[in-house]
């Protein structure tokens, strides 16, 4: 087990020892590392969370390149991400980055990597084995087992001397229940659960992080958040572009595996969970698992699949691909709080807008003396991206001499309310959590297992060709059948109302 201390002390001197943190990005030459991992590390560095006298960053991949070549590759992504960063900060950060080339299943490369890490640890005057090592696997899941074996055999720190070794693994965590369990078992044989950080970047988004505060720190929401007042909940992910050259990769997984089974299901857990006994990570994750365990088997009649016209034109996509690029799936929870409330999970590519949001629709007001049902129901919307906001749609009197009603909103738009505050990227937050040893926003093994158990039967029916997607035009709302399914589940579309994001 790893030590819970952040600072260790020498046995013969009452002087704090200098911490040495080594962050190793495996798959350093890939897109994920260049576009997400290294920029996140840079922003943590520029904000003072990675002091230059305590940290070194290593890239590891099969490509044979020099330190400078890797630095040049990631330089453009760092400076283009937030152009306000001083060039001096960029140069200092890049000087912390070193590169080691090697394969993902050979001892030689990882022995060399370990020597390079030890060399930097020694330069920081750390006791042997007391430093901290974070391995970020920006790699395909197929190589996780071999890479983890190499780390375990050649690159582990000695936790009994006060150090730790942690491994961050990226999604997808398997393709169904069996493959996910196999992968979990292979990694679990090598590392304790406290050392494994299964990252889902949606859990690092600012508005997702705010869900616990919103739900459990505001008195007026507590009595409303149940089946007596809420008619339905929509959790929506929409992109206005298609696969854009990633068709071959995407076709292996589809929109349900790629978005719904992990991202949207994680959001559902935070919307539906009971209050944990404390903010300790295990207490929060216990409540999320209870939500997943209460999900009833998916009814095929409450699923609509779609595939945008032109998807199969991608030469990397099979001509007769049955992979959905759009899906609406209704989940129902069998518990006291949510019995009878449909949770409508919707995700799609090549649609008419780009956004991700949670839409909680309340039941109609009984005894409607104002005859305002035609304006629509009260809704509470949490807009996750872009233009982060929370707003409540409610009915008000139309200004003027006439006594008529109209829908408006109570609006908390982050760009307007928190001017000058930079909202961190999800990867920044989650990497920092990993360094701090906080697993609250990471997926636990039993949680992963239950999530796959929910979706695996549906996914197998799709893979076997038993369910086929409806075609839809790029730039549309998706298949018309999806809107019909939402309406059948009880969602009432508001006509004549558009949320206008405040401009600064």
Protein backbone atom coordinates (compact mmCIF):
# COMPACT_ATOMS: atom_id res chain seq x y z
CA UNK A 1 0.00 0.00 0.00
CA UNK A 2 1.25 3.48 -0.75
CA UNK A 3 2.02 6.05 1.90
CA UNK A 4 -0.52 8.78 2.54
CA UNK A 5 2.19 11.33 3.31
CA UNK A 6 3.09 14.00 0.80
CA UNK A 7 6.33 14.90 2.57
CA UNK A 8 8.73 12.42 4.12
CA UNK A 9 11.51 12.97 6.65
CA UNK A 10 14.92 11.42 6.94
CA UNK A 11 15.42 9.06 9.83
CA UNK A 12 18.34 10.95 11.36
CA UNK A 13 17.50 14.58 10.65
CA UNK A 14 14.41 16.60 11.43
CA UNK A 15 14.59 18.24 8.02
CA UNK A 16 11.92 17.78 5.37
CA UNK A 17 13.18 15.92 2.36
CA UNK A 18 12.78 17.43 -1.07
CA UNK A 19 9.90 15.83 -2.93
CA UNK A 20 10.70 14.43 -6.35
CA UNK A 21 7.77 13.77 -8.65
CA UNK A 22 8.32 11.97 -11.94
CA UNK A 23 5.46 12.06 -14.46
CA UNK A 24 5.86 9.54 -17.27
CA UNK A 25 3.62 9.90 -20.33
CA UNK A 26 3.56 6.60 -22.20
CA UNK A 27 2.45 7.04 -25.80
CA UNK A 28 4.11 10.46 -25.80
CA UNK A 29 4.13 10.77 -29.59
CA UNK A 30 0.39 10.15 -29.96
CA UNK A 31 -2.46 12.64 -30.42
CA UNK A 32 -3.89 12.29 -26.92
CA UNK A 33 -0.56 13.09 -25.29
CA UNK A 34 0.13 16.06 -27.57
CA UNK A 35 -3.34 17.57 -27.47
CA UNK A 36 -4.43 16.86 -23.90
CA UNK A 37 -1.83 15.39 -21.54
CA UNK A 38 1.15 17.67 -22.15
CA UNK A 39 -0.96 20.88 -22.35
CA UNK A 40 -2.62 19.91 -19.04
CA UNK A 41 0.78 19.37 -17.44
CA UNK A 42 1.98 22.72 -18.76
CA UNK A 43 -0.99 24.58 -17.30
CA UNK A 44 -0.46 22.90 -13.92
CA UNK A 45 3.18 23.95 -14.13
CA UNK A 46 2.38 27.56 -15.10
CA UNK A 47 -0.04 27.84 -12.16
CA UNK A 48 2.56 26.61 -9.67
CA UNK A 49 1.19 23.10 -9.07
CA UNK A 50 4.30 21.46 -10.53
CA UNK A 51 7.29 23.28 -9.00
CA UNK A 52 10.29 22.99 -11.34
CA UNK A 53 12.62 21.96 -8.51
CA UNK A 54 10.39 18.99 -7.62
CA UNK A 55 9.17 17.54 -10.91
CA UNK A 56 10.49 15.93 -14.07
CA UNK A 57 8.41 14.83 -17.05
CA UNK A 58 9.29 11.91 -19.28
CA UNK A 59 7.82 10.92 -22.59
CA UNK A 60 8.04 7.26 -23.64
CA UNK A 61 7.07 5.77 -26.99
CA UNK A 62 8.35 3.50 -29.74
CA UNK A 63 9.22 6.36 -32.08
CA UNK A 64 12.96 7.05 -32.13
CA UNK A 65 13.23 10.80 -31.63
CA UNK A 66 15.32 13.17 -29.52
CA UNK A 67 14.28 15.26 -26.53
CA UNK A 68 14.18 18.35 -28.72
CA UNK A 69 12.04 16.62 -31.33
CA UNK A 70 9.40 15.76 -28.73
CA UNK A 71 9.54 19.29 -27.32
CA UNK A 72 8.97 20.71 -30.79
CA UNK A 73 6.00 18.38 -31.33
CA UNK A 74 4.19 19.50 -28.18
CA UNK A 75 5.27 23.15 -28.33
CA UNK A 76 2.56 24.16 -30.79
CA UNK A 77 -0.23 22.61 -28.73
CA UNK A 78 0.95 24.34 -25.58
CA UNK A 79 1.25 27.85 -26.99
CA UNK A 80 -1.93 27.65 -29.08
CA UNK A 81 -3.99 26.40 -26.14
CA UNK A 82 -3.64 29.53 -24.02
CA UNK A 83 -1.67 32.13 -25.92
CA UNK A 84 -1.34 34.38 -22.86
CA UNK A 85 1.25 32.08 -21.33
CA UNK A 86 4.67 33.79 -21.17
CA UNK A 87 7.21 32.31 -23.54
CA UNK A 88 9.60 32.00 -20.59
CA UNK A 89 7.17 29.61 -18.87
CA UNK A 90 6.90 27.55 -22.04
CA UNK A 91 10.68 27.26 -22.37
CA UNK A 92 11.17 26.31 -18.71
CA UNK A 93 8.44 23.69 -18.94
CA UNK A 94 9.82 22.15 -22.11
CA UNK A 95 13.25 21.86 -20.48
CA UNK A 96 11.66 19.59 -17.87
CA UNK A 97 10.56 17.17 -20.61
CA UNK A 98 12.85 14.30 -21.52
CA UNK A 99 12.25 11.45 -23.93
CA UNK A 100 13.01 7.73 -23.78
CA UNK A 101 12.39 5.43 -26.75
CA UNK A 102 11.44 1.80 -26.34
CA UNK A 103 8.81 -0.81 -27.12
CA UNK A 104 5.86 -1.49 -24.86
CA UNK A 105 6.66 -5.12 -24.14
CA UNK A 106 10.45 -5.31 -23.79
CA UNK A 107 12.58 -5.10 -20.68
CA UNK A 108 15.30 -3.03 -22.31
CA UNK A 109 13.20 0.09 -22.85
CA UNK A 110 11.69 0.11 -19.38
CA UNK A 111 15.04 -0.58 -17.71
CA UNK A 112 16.41 2.45 -19.54
CA UNK A 113 13.37 4.48 -18.48
CA UNK A 114 13.89 3.47 -14.85
CA UNK A 115 17.56 4.52 -15.02
CA UNK A 116 16.59 7.94 -16.42
CA UNK A 117 13.99 8.42 -13.68
CA UNK A 118 16.46 7.40 -10.97
CA UNK A 119 19.04 9.81 -12.38
CA UNK A 120 16.62 12.72 -11.92
CA UNK A 121 15.51 11.52 -8.50
CA UNK A 122 19.13 11.38 -7.36
CA UNK A 123 19.69 14.93 -8.60
CA UNK A 124 16.83 16.06 -6.35
CA UNK A 125 18.50 14.52 -3.30
CA UNK A 126 15.61 12.16 -2.65
CA UNK A 127 16.16 8.99 -0.70
CA UNK A 128 16.12 5.95 -2.95
CA UNK A 129 12.54 4.74 -3.29
CA UNK A 130 10.97 7.69 -1.49
CA UNK A 131 10.08 9.68 -4.59
CA UNK A 132 6.76 9.69 -6.45
CA UNK A 133 6.08 8.19 -9.86
CA UNK A 134 2.98 8.78 -11.95
CA UNK A 135 2.59 6.75 -15.15
CA UNK A 136 0.03 8.14 -17.60
CA UNK A 137 -0.98 5.54 -20.22
CA UNK A 138 -1.97 7.61 -23.27
CA UNK A 139 -2.15 4.33 -25.17
CA UNK A 140 -4.66 1.91 -26.72
CA UNK A 141 -6.11 -0.51 -24.13
CA UNK A 142 -4.65 -3.45 -26.07
CA UNK A 143 -1.17 -2.66 -24.72
CA UNK A 144 -2.22 -1.90 -21.12
CA UNK A 145 -1.40 -5.41 -19.82
CA UNK A 146 2.11 -5.56 -21.29
CA UNK A 147 2.94 -1.99 -20.28
CA UNK A 148 1.68 -2.53 -16.73
CA UNK A 149 3.78 -5.70 -16.45
CA UNK A 150 6.87 -3.77 -17.49
CA UNK A 151 6.13 -0.95 -15.03
CA UNK A 152 5.55 -3.44 -12.23
CA UNK A 153 8.74 -5.36 -12.92
CA UNK A 154 11.18 -2.58 -13.75
CA UNK A 155 9.85 0.87 -12.76
CA UNK A 156 8.10 0.55 -9.40
CA UNK A 157 8.97 2.80 -6.52
CA UNK A 158 9.38 1.42 -3.02
CA UNK A 159 6.24 2.50 -1.18
CA UNK A 160 7.55 1.27 2.17
CA UNK A 161 10.09 4.09 2.04
CA UNK A 162 7.43 6.76 1.69
CA UNK A 163 7.13 6.98 -2.08
CA UNK A 164 4.33 5.88 -4.38
CA UNK A 165 3.62 4.63 -7.87
CA UNK A 166 0.30 5.42 -9.56
CA UNK A 167 -1.01 4.42 -12.97
CA UNK A 168 -3.54 6.44 -14.98
CA UNK A 169 -5.41 4.47 -17.65
CA UNK A 170 -7.53 6.10 -20.34
CA UNK A 171 -10.87 4.93 -21.67
CA UNK A 172 -12.17 2.84 -23.34
CA UNK A 173 -11.97 0.28 -20.55
CA UNK A 174 -12.90 -2.70 -22.69
CA UNK A 175 -15.71 -3.17 -25.21
CA UNK A 176 -18.17 -5.15 -23.10
CA UNK A 177 -18.48 -6.75 -19.67
CA UNK A 178 -16.16 -9.69 -20.38
CA UNK A 179 -13.36 -7.67 -21.99
CA UNK A 180 -13.55 -5.00 -19.28
CA UNK A 181 -13.37 -7.61 -16.53
CA UNK A 182 -10.44 -9.31 -18.25
CA UNK A 183 -8.60 -6.01 -18.50
CA UNK A 184 -9.40 -5.13 -14.88
CA UNK A 185 -8.13 -8.52 -13.72
CA UNK A 186 -4.89 -8.19 -15.68
CA UNK A 187 -4.16 -4.76 -14.22
CA UNK A 188 -5.52 -5.69 -10.79
CA UNK A 189 -3.02 -8.54 -10.49
CA UNK A 190 -0.21 -6.01 -10.79
CA UNK A 191 -1.45 -2.99 -8.81
CA UNK A 192 -3.65 -2.30 -5.82
CA UNK A 193 -6.93 -0.48 -6.49
CA UNK A 194 -5.48 2.56 -4.67
CA UNK A 195 -2.77 2.78 -7.34
CA UNK A 196 -5.10 2.60 -10.36
CA UNK A 197 -6.75 5.78 -11.70
CA UNK A 198 -9.28 5.08 -14.47
CA UNK A 199 -9.73 8.50 -15.99
CA UNK A 200 -12.97 9.78 -17.49
CA UNK A 201 -12.40 13.42 -18.37
CA UNK A 202 -16.09 14.26 -18.01
CA UNK A 203 -15.73 13.90 -14.25
CA UNK A 204 -13.20 16.73 -14.32
CA UNK A 205 -15.49 19.26 -16.01
CA UNK A 206 -16.31 22.29 -13.87
CA UNK A 207 -20.10 21.94 -14.03
CA UNK A 208 -19.96 18.20 -13.36
CA UNK A 209 -17.81 18.94 -10.32
CA UNK A 210 -20.47 21.41 -9.21
CA UNK A 211 -23.23 18.81 -9.16
CA UNK A 212 -22.56 17.61 -5.62
CA UNK A 213 -22.49 21.19 -4.31
CA UNK A 214 -25.61 22.14 -6.23
CA UNK A 215 -27.57 19.13 -5.01
CA UNK A 216 -26.50 18.86 -1.40
CA UNK A 217 -25.64 22.45 -0.34
CA UNK A 218 -28.87 24.19 -1.42
CA UNK A 219 -31.92 23.72 0.79
CA UNK A 220 -34.54 24.63 -1.78
CA UNK A 221 -33.51 21.82 -4.15
CA UNK A 222 -33.59 19.01 -1.57
CA UNK A 223 -37.39 18.52 -1.42
CA UNK A 224 -37.77 18.89 -5.21
CA UNK A 225 -35.18 16.37 -6.35
CA UNK A 226 -37.38 13.28 -6.63
CA UNK A 227 -40.14 11.53 -8.59
CA UNK A 228 -42.86 13.64 -6.94
CA UNK A 229 -41.67 16.77 -8.72
CA UNK A 230 -39.41 15.74 -11.60
CA UNK A 231 -41.01 14.29 -14.72
CA UNK A 232 -37.89 13.34 -16.68
CA UNK A 233 -34.15 13.98 -16.93
CA UNK A 234 -32.23 14.38 -20.19
CA UNK A 235 -28.45 14.08 -20.38
CA UNK A 236 -27.35 15.20 -23.83
CA UNK A 237 -24.11 15.22 -25.80
CA UNK A 238 -24.18 16.73 -29.29
CA UNK A 239 -21.39 17.34 -31.81
CA UNK A 240 -21.75 19.31 -35.02
CA UNK A 241 -19.03 17.32 -36.82
CA UNK A 242 -18.59 13.71 -37.83
CA UNK A 243 -15.73 11.28 -37.29
CA UNK A 244 -13.27 13.47 -39.25
CA UNK A 245 -10.64 10.91 -40.12
CA UNK A 246 -11.21 8.76 -37.04
CA UNK A 247 -13.84 6.58 -38.70
CA UNK A 248 -11.84 3.37 -38.41
CA UNK A 249 -11.29 3.83 -34.67
CA UNK A 250 -14.83 5.02 -34.02
CA UNK A 251 -16.37 2.13 -35.94
CA UNK A 252 -14.90 -0.33 -33.41
CA UNK A 253 -16.84 1.31 -30.60
CA UNK A 254 -19.78 3.45 -31.74
CA UNK A 255 -21.51 6.27 -29.92
CA UNK A 256 -22.84 4.16 -27.04
CA UNK A 257 -19.44 2.82 -26.00
CA UNK A 258 -17.67 6.08 -26.82
CA UNK A 259 -19.99 8.50 -25.02
CA UNK A 260 -23.09 7.07 -23.35
CA UNK A 261 -21.74 4.07 -21.43
CA UNK A 262 -19.03 6.12 -19.74
CA UNK A 263 -19.45 9.92 -19.90
CA UNK A 264 -23.22 10.24 -19.72
CA UNK A 265 -23.64 7.35 -17.30
CA UNK A 266 -21.15 9.02 -14.94
CA UNK A 267 -23.19 12.22 -15.07
CA UNK A 268 -26.38 10.24 -14.40
CA UNK A 269 -24.82 8.84 -11.23
CA UNK A 270 -24.11 12.32 -9.87
CA UNK A 271 -27.61 13.53 -10.74
CA UNK A 272 -29.36 10.55 -9.16
CA UNK A 273 -27.17 9.49 -6.22
CA UNK A 274 -28.11 9.85 -2.56
CA UNK A 275 -26.12 12.13 -0.28
CA UNK A 276 -22.88 10.40 0.78
CA UNK A 277 -22.03 10.29 4.48
CA UNK A 278 -18.94 12.42 3.77
CA UNK A 279 -16.87 13.78 0.91
CA UNK A 280 -14.36 10.97 1.20
CA UNK A 281 -13.82 9.45 -2.25
CA UNK A 282 -14.98 5.97 -1.23
CA UNK A 283 -18.23 7.28 0.27
CA UNK A 284 -19.03 9.17 -2.94
CA UNK A 285 -18.15 6.22 -5.16
CA UNK A 286 -20.24 3.89 -2.98
CA UNK A 287 -23.34 5.99 -3.73
CA UNK A 288 -22.59 6.03 -7.46
CA UNK A 289 -22.41 2.25 -7.51
CA UNK A 290 -25.81 2.03 -5.75
CA UNK A 291 -27.35 4.12 -8.54
CA UNK A 292 -25.95 1.80 -11.23
CA UNK A 293 -27.16 -1.27 -9.35
CA UNK A 294 -30.70 0.14 -9.40
CA UNK A 295 -30.83 0.53 -13.22
CA UNK A 296 -33.37 -1.82 -14.81
CA UNK A 297 -32.53 -3.81 -17.96
CA UNK A 298 -32.75 -1.66 -21.08
CA UNK A 299 -35.94 -2.09 -23.12
CA UNK A 300 -35.22 -2.26 -26.86
CA UNK A 301 -38.38 -0.25 -27.49
CA UNK A 302 -36.78 2.61 -25.56
CA UNK A 303 -33.72 2.78 -27.80
CA UNK A 304 -33.32 4.71 -31.06
CA UNK A 305 -30.12 4.37 -33.08
CA UNK A 306 -28.96 6.54 -35.96
CA UNK A 307 -26.13 6.77 -38.47
CA UNK A 308 -25.50 9.97 -40.39
CA UNK A 309 -25.60 9.87 -44.16
CA UNK A 310 -22.03 9.85 -45.47
CA UNK A 311 -20.49 8.04 -42.49
CA UNK A 312 -19.70 4.98 -44.62
CA UNK A 313 -17.98 7.16 -47.25
CA UNK A 314 -14.95 7.20 -44.97
CA UNK A 315 -12.55 4.65 -46.54
CA UNK A 316 -11.64 3.33 -43.07
CA UNK A 317 -15.30 2.44 -42.34
CA UNK A 318 -16.74 -0.87 -43.66
CA UNK A 319 -19.26 -0.44 -46.48
CA UNK A 320 -22.01 -2.17 -44.51
CA UNK A 321 -21.18 -0.81 -41.06
CA UNK A 322 -24.00 -1.08 -38.52
CA UNK A 323 -22.23 1.20 -36.04
CA UNK A 324 -24.48 3.95 -34.63
CA UNK A 325 -23.23 7.53 -34.68
CA UNK A 326 -26.35 8.60 -32.75
CA UNK A 327 -28.31 6.98 -29.94
CA UNK A 328 -31.10 7.81 -27.55
CA UNK A 329 -31.39 5.34 -24.67
CA UNK A 330 -33.87 5.56 -21.81
CA UNK A 331 -32.71 4.23 -18.46
CA UNK A 332 -35.08 3.62 -15.56
CA UNK A 333 -34.06 3.37 -11.92
CA UNK A 334 -35.79 1.02 -9.53
CA UNK A 335 -35.55 2.87 -6.22
CA UNK A 336 -37.65 5.05 -3.97
CA UNK A 337 -36.42 8.41 -5.24
CA UNK A 338 -36.60 7.81 -9.00
CA UNK A 339 -39.21 5.10 -9.65
CA UNK A 340 -41.08 6.05 -12.84
CA UNK A 341 -38.74 8.89 -13.88
CA UNK A 342 -37.11 8.25 -17.29
CA UNK A 343 -33.47 9.23 -17.69
CA UNK A 344 -33.07 10.03 -21.39
CA UNK A 345 -29.44 9.67 -22.50
CA UNK A 346 -28.81 11.12 -25.93
CA UNK A 347 -25.56 11.44 -27.90
CA UNK A 348 -24.75 12.00 -31.54
CA UNK A 349 -22.30 13.21 -34.14
CA UNK A 350 -22.85 15.44 -37.20
CA UNK A 351 -25.84 17.18 -35.60
CA UNK A 352 -27.07 20.77 -35.84
CA UNK A 353 -25.31 22.02 -32.71
CA UNK A 354 -22.47 21.31 -30.32
CA UNK A 355 -23.27 21.11 -26.63
CA UNK A 356 -23.43 18.89 -23.59
CA UNK A 357 -26.05 19.51 -20.94
CA UNK A 358 -28.26 18.09 -18.21
CA UNK A 359 -31.92 19.03 -18.53
CA UNK A 360 -34.15 18.34 -15.53
CA UNK A 361 -37.81 18.82 -16.48
CA UNK A 362 -40.32 19.30 -13.68
CA UNK A 363 -43.94 18.24 -13.70
CA UNK A 364 -46.66 20.68 -14.64
CA UNK A 365 -48.15 22.98 -12.01
CA UNK A 366 -51.45 21.55 -10.71
CA UNK A 367 -54.43 23.90 -10.96
CA UNK A 368 -52.89 26.06 -13.69
CA UNK A 369 -54.90 29.28 -13.22
CA UNK A 370 -52.68 31.19 -15.65
CA UNK A 371 -53.14 28.66 -18.47
CA UNK A 372 -49.40 28.79 -19.08
CA UNK A 373 -48.77 25.14 -19.90
CA UNK A 374 -48.50 26.13 -23.54
CA UNK A 375 -45.26 27.95 -22.68
CA UNK A 376 -43.71 24.76 -21.38
CA UNK A 377 -42.64 23.27 -18.09
CA UNK A 378 -40.13 24.49 -15.55
CA UNK A 379 -36.69 23.13 -16.36
CA UNK A 380 -33.34 23.28 -14.63
CA UNK A 381 -30.49 23.13 -17.14
CA UNK A 382 -26.81 22.58 -16.42
CA UNK A 383 -24.81 23.37 -19.52
CA UNK A 384 -21.54 21.48 -19.33
CA UNK A 385 -20.00 22.80 -22.56
CA UNK A 386 -19.51 25.14 -24.29
CA UNK A 387 -20.39 28.40 -22.47
CA UNK A 388 -20.76 26.81 -19.03
CA UNK A 389 -23.95 27.87 -17.28
CA UNK A 390 -26.78 26.86 -14.98
CA UNK A 391 -30.20 28.31 -15.55
CA UNK A 392 -33.80 27.71 -14.52
CA UNK A 393 -36.59 28.11 -17.06
CA UNK A 394 -39.67 29.49 -15.34
CA UNK A 395 -42.88 31.30 -16.18
CA UNK A 396 -43.08 35.06 -15.53
CA UNK A 397 -45.45 37.90 -16.39
CA UNK A 398 -44.76 39.46 -19.75
CA UNK A 399 -43.66 43.09 -19.17
CA UNK A 400 -46.31 45.58 -20.19
CA UNK A 401 -49.94 46.48 -19.55
CA UNK A 402 -51.34 43.15 -20.66
CA UNK A 403 -51.49 40.30 -18.10
CA UNK A 404 -49.89 37.50 -20.05
CA UNK A 405 -47.19 34.98 -19.22
CA UNK A 406 -43.93 34.06 -20.92
CA UNK A 407 -40.98 31.79 -20.25
CA UNK A 408 -37.76 33.37 -19.02
CA UNK A 409 -34.85 32.23 -16.89
CA UNK A 410 -32.82 32.69 -13.75
CA UNK A 411 -29.34 32.48 -15.17
CA UNK A 412 -25.87 31.80 -13.79
CA UNK A 413 -23.56 32.11 -16.76
CA UNK A 414 -19.99 31.51 -15.73
CA UNK A 415 -18.30 33.86 -18.19
CA UNK A 416 -20.44 36.75 -16.98
CA UNK A 417 -20.49 35.96 -13.25
CA UNK A 418 -16.85 34.90 -12.89
CA UNK A 419 -15.04 37.35 -15.12
CA UNK A 420 -11.30 36.93 -15.12
CA UNK A 421 -11.51 33.40 -13.70
CA UNK A 422 -10.04 30.70 -15.90
CA UNK A 423 -12.02 27.49 -15.83
CA UNK A 424 -9.47 24.67 -15.82
CA UNK A 425 -9.55 21.91 -18.38
CA UNK A 426 -10.77 18.55 -17.11
CA UNK A 427 -7.40 16.86 -17.63
CA UNK A 428 -5.65 19.46 -15.47
CA UNK A 429 -7.94 18.78 -12.55
CA UNK A 430 -7.77 15.01 -12.84
CA UNK A 431 -3.98 14.86 -13.16
CA UNK A 432 -3.71 17.07 -10.08
CA UNK A 433 -6.12 14.77 -8.24
CA UNK A 434 -3.91 11.83 -9.17
CA UNK A 435 -0.83 13.57 -7.77
CA UNK A 436 -2.75 14.33 -4.57
CA UNK A 437 -4.03 10.75 -4.32
CA UNK A 438 -7.71 11.77 -4.53
CA UNK A 439 -9.71 9.07 -6.37
CA UNK A 440 -13.12 10.74 -6.00
CA UNK A 441 -13.37 11.59 -9.70
CA UNK A 442 -12.07 8.29 -11.04
CA UNK A 443 -13.94 5.11 -11.88
CA UNK A 444 -13.69 2.25 -9.39
CA UNK A 445 -13.51 -1.35 -10.60
CA UNK A 446 -16.92 -2.43 -9.26
CA UNK A 447 -18.48 0.72 -10.74
CA UNK A 448 -16.99 -0.11 -14.13
CA UNK A 449 -18.31 -3.65 -13.92
CA UNK A 450 -21.90 -2.61 -13.16
CA UNK A 451 -21.83 0.03 -15.92
CA UNK A 452 -20.82 -2.56 -18.52
CA UNK A 453 -23.41 -4.97 -17.16
CA UNK A 454 -26.13 -2.42 -17.99
CA UNK A 455 -25.11 -1.89 -21.61
CA UNK A 456 -23.49 -5.16 -22.73
CA UNK A 457 -26.73 -6.96 -23.75
CA UNK A 458 -27.78 -3.98 -25.90
CA UNK A 459 -24.32 -3.65 -27.43
CA UNK A 460 -24.23 -7.32 -28.36
CA UNK A 461 -27.60 -7.05 -30.09
CA UNK A 462 -26.29 -4.11 -32.12
CA UNK A 463 -23.04 -5.91 -32.94
CA UNK A 464 -25.01 -8.96 -34.11
CA UNK A 465 -27.12 -6.85 -36.45
CA UNK A 466 -30.33 -7.38 -34.47
CA UNK A 467 -30.84 -3.60 -34.17
CA UNK A 468 -30.19 -1.21 -37.03
CA UNK A 469 -29.63 2.57 -37.03
CA UNK A 470 -31.94 4.99 -38.80
CA UNK A 471 -30.20 7.23 -41.37
CA UNK A 472 -30.20 10.96 -40.65
CA UNK A 473 -28.85 13.96 -42.49
CA UNK A 474 -25.72 15.74 -41.19
CA UNK A 475 -26.69 19.04 -39.59
CA UNK A 476 -30.07 17.78 -38.42
CA UNK A 477 -31.36 16.96 -34.93
CA UNK A 478 -30.82 13.27 -35.64
CA UNK A 479 -33.50 10.70 -36.48
CA UNK A 480 -37.06 11.95 -36.04
CA UNK A 481 -37.76 8.69 -34.17
CA UNK A 482 -35.52 9.94 -31.33
CA UNK A 483 -37.71 13.00 -30.70
CA UNK A 484 -40.77 10.77 -30.84
CA UNK A 485 -39.24 8.46 -28.23
CA UNK A 486 -38.43 11.40 -25.91
CA UNK A 487 -41.99 12.70 -26.26
CA UNK A 488 -43.38 9.23 -25.53
CA UNK A 489 -41.25 9.12 -22.38
CA UNK A 490 -42.83 12.36 -21.23
CA UNK A 491 -40.47 15.11 -22.35
CA UNK A 492 -42.32 18.26 -23.43
CA UNK A 493 -40.51 20.40 -25.98
CA UNK A 494 -40.74 24.15 -25.33
CA UNK A 495 -41.87 26.12 -28.38
CA UNK A 496 -40.87 29.73 -28.94
CA UNK A 497 -38.18 29.87 -26.23
CA UNK A 498 -34.45 30.13 -26.83
CA UNK A 499 -31.82 30.55 -24.14
CA UNK A 500 -29.59 33.50 -25.05
CA UNK A 501 -26.15 33.34 -23.55
CA UNK A 502 -25.23 36.70 -22.00
CA UNK A 503 -22.38 38.44 -23.81
CA UNK A 504 -19.71 40.38 -21.99
